[in-house]
């Protein structure tokens, strides 16, 4: 599975790729790079119950808790090389990471105050980000 597109996210909202199939068998991997001109968070949920709590928050309901996404694959965007871009990616600037957690998976570009990791003003600017996401079922032996 591969997604390469610009996404537009209003304050307090998120762009989500949901229902990503399980690729946890040997060889499954995740690779992503997300870039924007303002801070944001990337959450990769490997637990459906945690994702449902996140989704409730984004939809304006009061979730019973705000659980974290999988910390191994989630990241807060950081300024890229002193420039005007913020970037979140898998290790080493977008390298493939083995995906051992079972799916389904949920990939989120977050522009809200979920878990207060990146502060967003409700009347602030919308986020425009470029998402390059790849889920690899098998890696060929070399």
N, C-alpha and C. Protein backbone atom coordinates (compact mmCIF):
# COMPACT_ATOMS: atom_id res chain seq x y z
N UNK A 1 0.85 -1.17 0.00
CA UNK A 1 0.00 0.00 0.00
C UNK A 1 0.89 1.22 0.00
N UNK A 2 0.51 2.20 -0.80
CA UNK A 2 1.31 3.41 -0.89
C UNK A 2 0.39 4.62 -1.05
N UNK A 3 0.71 5.69 -0.31
CA UNK A 3 -0.01 6.96 -0.41
C UNK A 3 1.03 8.05 -0.57
N UNK A 4 0.87 8.88 -1.58
CA UNK A 4 1.70 10.05 -1.78
C UNK A 4 0.79 11.18 -2.20
N UNK A 5 0.52 12.08 -1.24
CA UNK A 5 -0.41 13.17 -1.56
C UNK A 5 -0.29 14.31 -0.56
N UNK A 6 -0.73 15.49 -1.01
CA UNK A 6 -0.87 16.62 -0.12
C UNK A 6 -2.18 16.46 0.63
N UNK A 7 -2.17 16.77 1.92
CA UNK A 7 -3.38 16.71 2.73
C UNK A 7 -3.61 18.05 3.39
N UNK A 8 -4.86 18.39 3.60
CA UNK A 8 -5.27 19.64 4.24
C UNK A 8 -6.00 19.27 5.52
N UNK A 9 -5.56 19.82 6.67
CA UNK A 9 -6.14 19.46 7.95
C UNK A 9 -6.48 20.74 8.72
N UNK A 10 -7.76 20.91 9.03
CA UNK A 10 -8.20 22.05 9.82
C UNK A 10 -7.74 21.91 11.26
N UNK A 11 -7.60 23.03 11.98
CA UNK A 11 -7.23 22.96 13.41
C UNK A 11 -8.24 22.10 14.17
N UNK A 12 -7.72 21.25 15.06
CA UNK A 12 -8.57 20.37 15.85
C UNK A 12 -8.96 19.10 15.13
N UNK A 13 -8.42 18.88 13.96
CA UNK A 13 -8.79 17.72 13.14
C UNK A 13 -7.56 16.89 12.81
N UNK A 14 -7.78 15.88 11.95
CA UNK A 14 -6.70 14.99 11.54
C UNK A 14 -6.99 14.43 10.16
N UNK A 15 -5.94 14.03 9.48
CA UNK A 15 -6.06 13.24 8.25
C UNK A 15 -5.71 11.81 8.65
N UNK A 16 -6.55 10.86 8.23
CA UNK A 16 -6.35 9.47 8.66
C UNK A 16 -6.36 8.52 7.48
N UNK A 17 -5.49 7.53 7.56
CA UNK A 17 -5.52 6.38 6.66
C UNK A 17 -5.87 5.21 7.57
N UNK A 18 -7.08 4.69 7.40
CA UNK A 18 -7.59 3.66 8.32
C UNK A 18 -7.70 2.31 7.64
N UNK A 19 -7.79 1.29 8.47
CA UNK A 19 -7.99 -0.05 7.94
C UNK A 19 -6.81 -0.60 7.17
N UNK A 20 -5.63 -0.17 7.52
CA UNK A 20 -4.43 -0.69 6.86
C UNK A 20 -4.29 -2.16 7.28
N UNK A 21 -4.17 -3.08 6.35
CA UNK A 21 -4.17 -4.50 6.70
C UNK A 21 -2.92 -4.92 7.49
N UNK A 22 -3.07 -6.01 8.20
CA UNK A 22 -1.99 -6.58 9.01
C UNK A 22 -0.86 -7.08 8.10
N UNK A 23 0.34 -6.61 8.35
CA UNK A 23 1.52 -7.07 7.61
C UNK A 23 2.61 -7.53 8.58
N UNK A 24 2.19 -7.98 9.76
CA UNK A 24 3.15 -8.32 10.81
C UNK A 24 3.90 -9.62 10.56
N UNK A 25 3.49 -10.39 9.56
CA UNK A 25 4.26 -11.59 9.22
C UNK A 25 5.69 -11.17 8.90
N UNK A 26 6.64 -12.07 9.00
CA UNK A 26 8.03 -11.70 8.71
C UNK A 26 8.14 -10.96 7.38
N UNK A 27 8.81 -9.84 7.45
CA UNK A 27 9.02 -9.06 6.23
C UNK A 27 8.16 -7.83 6.13
N UNK A 28 7.10 -7.70 6.94
CA UNK A 28 6.24 -6.52 6.88
C UNK A 28 6.99 -5.31 7.39
N UNK A 29 6.74 -4.15 6.78
CA UNK A 29 7.46 -2.94 7.18
C UNK A 29 6.62 -1.69 6.92
N UNK A 30 7.01 -0.63 7.60
CA UNK A 30 6.38 0.68 7.49
C UNK A 30 7.45 1.68 7.09
N UNK A 31 7.08 2.63 6.22
CA UNK A 31 7.97 3.73 5.86
C UNK A 31 7.11 4.95 5.63
N UNK A 32 7.48 6.07 6.25
CA UNK A 32 6.76 7.31 5.98
C UNK A 32 7.65 8.52 6.17
N UNK A 33 7.30 9.56 5.43
CA UNK A 33 7.85 10.90 5.60
C UNK A 33 6.66 11.85 5.44
N UNK A 34 6.48 12.75 6.41
CA UNK A 34 5.44 13.76 6.33
C UNK A 34 6.11 15.10 6.56
N UNK A 35 5.84 16.07 5.67
CA UNK A 35 6.46 17.40 5.77
C UNK A 35 5.39 18.48 5.68
N UNK A 36 5.60 19.54 6.47
CA UNK A 36 4.69 20.69 6.46
C UNK A 36 5.45 21.92 6.94
N UNK A 37 4.82 23.08 6.81
CA UNK A 37 5.48 24.33 7.22
C UNK A 37 5.11 24.74 8.64
N UNK A 38 4.49 23.84 9.38
CA UNK A 38 4.19 24.11 10.79
C UNK A 38 4.20 22.80 11.56
N UNK A 39 4.28 22.86 12.89
CA UNK A 39 4.36 21.63 13.69
C UNK A 39 3.10 20.77 13.58
N UNK A 40 3.26 19.47 13.77
CA UNK A 40 2.17 18.50 13.74
C UNK A 40 2.67 17.23 14.40
N UNK A 41 1.77 16.28 14.57
CA UNK A 41 2.14 14.97 15.11
C UNK A 41 1.71 13.89 14.13
N UNK A 42 2.47 12.80 14.11
CA UNK A 42 2.07 11.60 13.38
C UNK A 42 1.84 10.52 14.42
N UNK A 43 0.66 9.93 14.38
CA UNK A 43 0.32 8.82 15.27
C UNK A 43 0.10 7.58 14.42
N UNK A 44 0.70 6.49 14.84
CA UNK A 44 0.47 5.20 14.19
C UNK A 44 -0.12 4.27 15.25
N UNK A 45 -1.42 4.05 15.14
CA UNK A 45 -2.11 3.21 16.11
C UNK A 45 -2.08 1.76 15.67
N UNK A 46 -1.69 0.89 16.59
CA UNK A 46 -1.70 -0.55 16.34
C UNK A 46 -2.71 -1.23 17.26
N UNK A 47 -3.45 -0.42 18.00
CA UNK A 47 -4.47 -0.92 18.91
C UNK A 47 -5.80 -0.24 18.54
N UNK A 48 -6.78 -1.03 18.14
CA UNK A 48 -8.04 -0.48 17.68
C UNK A 48 -8.77 0.30 18.78
N UNK A 49 -8.73 -0.19 20.02
CA UNK A 49 -9.40 0.51 21.11
C UNK A 49 -8.79 1.89 21.34
N UNK A 50 -7.47 2.00 21.28
CA UNK A 50 -6.80 3.29 21.43
C UNK A 50 -7.18 4.22 20.29
N UNK A 51 -7.25 3.69 19.08
CA UNK A 51 -7.64 4.51 17.93
C UNK A 51 -9.08 5.02 18.10
N UNK A 52 -9.97 4.19 18.61
CA UNK A 52 -11.36 4.61 18.80
C UNK A 52 -11.44 5.76 19.81
N UNK A 53 -10.61 5.75 20.85
CA UNK A 53 -10.56 6.86 21.81
C UNK A 53 -10.05 8.13 21.12
N UNK A 54 -9.03 7.98 20.26
CA UNK A 54 -8.50 9.11 19.50
C UNK A 54 -9.58 9.68 18.59
N UNK A 55 -10.25 8.80 17.88
CA UNK A 55 -11.29 9.22 16.94
C UNK A 55 -12.41 9.97 17.67
N UNK A 56 -12.79 9.50 18.85
CA UNK A 56 -13.81 10.18 19.65
C UNK A 56 -13.36 11.61 19.97
N UNK A 57 -12.09 11.77 20.34
CA UNK A 57 -11.54 13.09 20.64
C UNK A 57 -11.63 14.01 19.42
N UNK A 58 -11.20 13.52 18.28
CA UNK A 58 -11.19 14.32 17.04
C UNK A 58 -12.61 14.69 16.62
N UNK A 59 -13.58 13.84 16.92
CA UNK A 59 -14.97 14.11 16.55
C UNK A 59 -15.68 15.00 17.56
N UNK A 60 -14.93 15.49 18.58
CA UNK A 60 -15.50 16.43 19.53
C UNK A 60 -16.20 15.79 20.72
N UNK A 61 -16.13 14.49 20.82
CA UNK A 61 -16.71 13.81 21.98
C UNK A 61 -15.66 13.74 23.08
N UNK A 62 -16.07 13.40 24.27
CA UNK A 62 -15.17 13.27 25.41
C UNK A 62 -14.76 11.80 25.56
N UNK A 63 -13.55 11.43 25.13
CA UNK A 63 -13.14 10.04 25.31
C UNK A 63 -12.88 9.75 26.79
N UNK A 64 -12.98 8.48 27.17
CA UNK A 64 -12.73 8.11 28.56
C UNK A 64 -11.26 8.24 28.90
N UNK A 65 -10.40 8.19 27.90
CA UNK A 65 -8.97 8.37 28.10
C UNK A 65 -8.36 8.84 26.78
N UNK A 66 -7.10 9.28 26.82
CA UNK A 66 -6.38 9.69 25.61
C UNK A 66 -5.11 8.85 25.51
N UNK A 67 -5.26 7.59 25.11
CA UNK A 67 -4.09 6.70 25.07
C UNK A 67 -3.13 7.10 23.96
N UNK A 68 -1.85 6.81 24.17
CA UNK A 68 -0.88 7.12 23.12
C UNK A 68 -1.01 6.13 21.96
N UNK A 69 -0.51 6.55 20.84
CA UNK A 69 -0.37 5.63 19.72
C UNK A 69 0.89 4.79 19.98
N UNK A 70 1.22 3.90 19.07
CA UNK A 70 2.41 3.07 19.24
C UNK A 70 3.64 3.97 19.20
N UNK A 71 4.39 4.09 20.32
CA UNK A 71 5.51 5.03 20.37
C UNK A 71 6.67 4.65 19.46
N UNK A 72 6.74 3.41 19.07
CA UNK A 72 7.82 2.97 18.18
C UNK A 72 7.69 3.58 16.79
N UNK A 73 6.46 3.90 16.39
CA UNK A 73 6.22 4.36 15.02
C UNK A 73 5.62 5.77 14.94
N UNK A 74 5.32 6.39 16.08
CA UNK A 74 4.70 7.72 16.11
C UNK A 74 5.78 8.77 16.39
N UNK A 75 5.49 10.02 15.99
CA UNK A 75 6.51 11.04 16.13
C UNK A 75 5.92 12.44 16.07
N UNK A 76 6.52 13.35 16.80
CA UNK A 76 6.22 14.77 16.68
C UNK A 76 7.16 15.34 15.63
N UNK A 77 6.62 16.14 14.71
CA UNK A 77 7.45 16.73 13.66
C UNK A 77 8.44 17.72 14.26
N UNK A 78 9.65 17.69 13.73
CA UNK A 78 10.72 18.58 14.16
C UNK A 78 11.17 19.44 12.99
N UNK A 79 11.73 20.64 13.27
CA UNK A 79 12.25 21.46 12.17
C UNK A 79 13.32 20.69 11.40
N UNK A 80 13.27 20.79 10.10
CA UNK A 80 14.20 20.05 9.22
C UNK A 80 15.38 20.93 8.85
N UNK A 81 16.56 20.57 9.32
CA UNK A 81 17.82 21.22 8.94
C UNK A 81 17.77 22.74 9.00
N UNK A 82 17.13 23.29 10.04
CA UNK A 82 17.11 24.73 10.24
C UNK A 82 16.29 25.48 9.21
N UNK A 83 15.55 24.78 8.37
CA UNK A 83 14.74 25.43 7.34
C UNK A 83 13.34 25.74 7.81
N UNK A 84 12.46 25.97 6.85
CA UNK A 84 11.07 26.33 7.15
C UNK A 84 10.15 25.11 7.24
N UNK A 85 10.69 23.93 7.02
CA UNK A 85 9.85 22.72 7.02
C UNK A 85 9.98 21.94 8.32
N UNK A 86 8.86 21.34 8.73
CA UNK A 86 8.84 20.38 9.82
C UNK A 86 8.69 19.00 9.20
N UNK A 87 9.33 18.02 9.80
CA UNK A 87 9.29 16.67 9.23
C UNK A 87 9.12 15.63 10.34
N UNK A 88 8.31 14.64 10.06
CA UNK A 88 8.20 13.43 10.89
C UNK A 88 8.40 12.26 9.94
N UNK A 89 9.20 11.29 10.38
CA UNK A 89 9.47 10.15 9.50
C UNK A 89 9.87 8.93 10.31
N UNK A 90 9.86 7.81 9.65
CA UNK A 90 10.45 6.64 10.26
C UNK A 90 11.95 6.90 10.39
N UNK A 91 12.65 6.05 11.14
CA UNK A 91 14.07 6.27 11.42
C UNK A 91 14.87 6.56 10.16
N UNK A 92 15.95 7.27 10.34
CA UNK A 92 16.90 7.58 9.26
C UNK A 92 16.25 8.27 8.08
N UNK A 93 15.34 9.19 8.37
CA UNK A 93 14.74 10.00 7.31
C UNK A 93 13.85 9.25 6.35
N UNK A 94 13.15 8.27 6.84
CA UNK A 94 12.19 7.56 6.00
C UNK A 94 12.60 6.16 5.62
N UNK A 95 13.47 5.56 6.39
CA UNK A 95 13.87 4.17 6.10
C UNK A 95 12.75 3.22 6.52
N UNK A 96 12.76 2.04 5.94
CA UNK A 96 11.79 1.01 6.31
C UNK A 96 12.05 0.54 7.73
N UNK A 97 10.96 0.41 8.49
CA UNK A 97 11.06 -0.14 9.84
C UNK A 97 10.23 -1.41 9.88
N UNK A 98 10.79 -2.50 10.42
CA UNK A 98 10.00 -3.73 10.55
C UNK A 98 8.74 -3.46 11.36
N UNK A 99 7.63 -3.99 10.90
CA UNK A 99 6.35 -3.78 11.55
C UNK A 99 5.92 -5.10 12.19
N UNK A 100 6.21 -5.23 13.47
CA UNK A 100 5.96 -6.49 14.16
C UNK A 100 4.64 -6.49 14.92
N UNK A 101 4.08 -5.33 15.21
CA UNK A 101 2.78 -5.25 15.88
C UNK A 101 1.69 -5.70 14.91
N UNK A 102 0.70 -6.41 15.42
CA UNK A 102 -0.36 -6.88 14.54
C UNK A 102 -1.33 -5.75 14.22
N UNK A 103 -1.98 -5.87 13.06
CA UNK A 103 -2.94 -4.88 12.60
C UNK A 103 -4.35 -5.31 12.87
N UNK A 104 -5.32 -4.54 12.38
CA UNK A 104 -5.17 -3.45 11.43
C UNK A 104 -4.48 -2.25 12.07
N UNK A 105 -4.02 -1.35 11.18
CA UNK A 105 -3.26 -0.18 11.62
C UNK A 105 -4.01 1.09 11.22
N UNK A 106 -3.67 2.18 11.90
CA UNK A 106 -4.30 3.47 11.64
C UNK A 106 -3.21 4.53 11.64
N UNK A 107 -3.03 5.22 10.53
CA UNK A 107 -2.00 6.24 10.37
C UNK A 107 -2.68 7.60 10.42
N UNK A 108 -2.18 8.50 11.26
CA UNK A 108 -2.84 9.78 11.48
C UNK A 108 -1.84 10.93 11.40
N UNK A 109 -2.19 11.95 10.63
CA UNK A 109 -1.48 13.23 10.67
C UNK A 109 -2.38 14.14 11.50
N UNK A 110 -1.91 14.48 12.70
CA UNK A 110 -2.74 15.16 13.69
C UNK A 110 -2.43 16.65 13.75
N UNK A 111 -3.51 17.44 13.76
CA UNK A 111 -3.39 18.90 13.90
C UNK A 111 -4.37 19.34 14.99
N UNK A 112 -4.22 18.70 16.16
CA UNK A 112 -5.11 18.98 17.29
C UNK A 112 -4.29 19.07 18.57
N UNK A 113 -4.97 19.18 19.68
CA UNK A 113 -4.31 19.21 20.98
C UNK A 113 -4.39 17.86 21.69
N UNK A 114 -4.56 16.79 20.93
CA UNK A 114 -4.61 15.46 21.52
C UNK A 114 -3.32 15.21 22.29
N UNK A 115 -3.43 14.84 23.53
CA UNK A 115 -2.31 14.56 24.43
C UNK A 115 -1.40 15.78 24.62
N UNK A 116 -1.79 16.95 24.09
CA UNK A 116 -1.06 18.21 24.28
C UNK A 116 0.40 18.13 23.83
N UNK A 117 0.69 17.30 22.85
CA UNK A 117 2.07 17.15 22.39
C UNK A 117 2.47 18.30 21.46
N UNK A 118 1.57 18.73 20.60
CA UNK A 118 1.77 19.90 19.76
C UNK A 118 0.55 20.79 19.95
N UNK A 119 0.76 22.00 20.42
CA UNK A 119 -0.37 22.90 20.71
C UNK A 119 -0.89 23.52 19.42
N UNK A 120 -2.23 23.53 19.29
CA UNK A 120 -2.89 24.08 18.10
C UNK A 120 -3.99 25.03 18.56
N UNK A 121 -3.96 26.25 18.06
CA UNK A 121 -5.01 27.23 18.35
C UNK A 121 -6.22 26.89 17.49
N UNK A 122 -7.40 26.82 18.11
CA UNK A 122 -8.59 26.42 17.35
C UNK A 122 -8.91 27.38 16.20
N UNK A 123 -8.38 28.60 16.26
CA UNK A 123 -8.60 29.57 15.18
C UNK A 123 -7.32 29.76 14.36
N UNK A 124 -6.37 28.87 14.54
CA UNK A 124 -5.10 28.95 13.82
C UNK A 124 -5.22 28.52 12.37
N UNK A 125 -4.07 28.46 11.74
CA UNK A 125 -4.01 28.07 10.33
C UNK A 125 -4.25 26.58 10.15
N UNK A 126 -4.85 26.25 9.04
CA UNK A 126 -4.97 24.84 8.65
C UNK A 126 -3.57 24.32 8.32
N UNK A 127 -3.40 23.04 8.46
CA UNK A 127 -2.14 22.38 8.15
C UNK A 127 -2.21 21.83 6.73
N UNK A 128 -1.21 22.13 5.93
CA UNK A 128 -1.06 21.50 4.62
C UNK A 128 0.24 20.71 4.69
N UNK A 129 0.13 19.40 4.49
CA UNK A 129 1.30 18.52 4.62
C UNK A 129 1.37 17.59 3.43
N UNK A 130 2.59 17.19 3.10
CA UNK A 130 2.79 16.16 2.08
C UNK A 130 3.04 14.85 2.82
N UNK A 131 2.25 13.84 2.49
CA UNK A 131 2.35 12.52 3.11
C UNK A 131 2.89 11.53 2.09
N UNK A 132 3.96 10.85 2.48
CA UNK A 132 4.54 9.76 1.70
C UNK A 132 4.57 8.54 2.63
N UNK A 133 3.59 7.66 2.47
CA UNK A 133 3.39 6.52 3.36
C UNK A 133 3.42 5.24 2.55
N UNK A 134 4.20 4.26 3.01
CA UNK A 134 4.24 2.96 2.34
C UNK A 134 4.16 1.87 3.40
N UNK A 135 3.29 0.93 3.18
CA UNK A 135 3.19 -0.29 4.01
C UNK A 135 3.65 -1.42 3.12
N UNK A 136 4.66 -2.15 3.56
CA UNK A 136 5.26 -3.23 2.76
C UNK A 136 4.86 -4.57 3.37
N UNK A 137 4.26 -5.42 2.57
CA UNK A 137 3.85 -6.74 3.07
C UNK A 137 5.06 -7.66 3.21
N UNK A 138 5.90 -7.73 2.21
CA UNK A 138 7.09 -8.59 2.25
C UNK A 138 8.27 -7.82 1.69
N UNK A 139 9.43 -8.13 2.24
CA UNK A 139 10.67 -7.62 1.67
C UNK A 139 11.36 -8.78 1.00
N UNK A 140 11.83 -8.56 -0.19
CA UNK A 140 12.53 -9.61 -0.91
C UNK A 140 13.93 -9.81 -0.33
N UNK A 141 14.39 -11.04 -0.21
CA UNK A 141 15.76 -11.25 0.28
C UNK A 141 16.76 -10.76 -0.75
N UNK A 142 17.88 -10.23 -0.25
CA UNK A 142 18.92 -9.73 -1.16
C UNK A 142 20.14 -10.60 -1.08
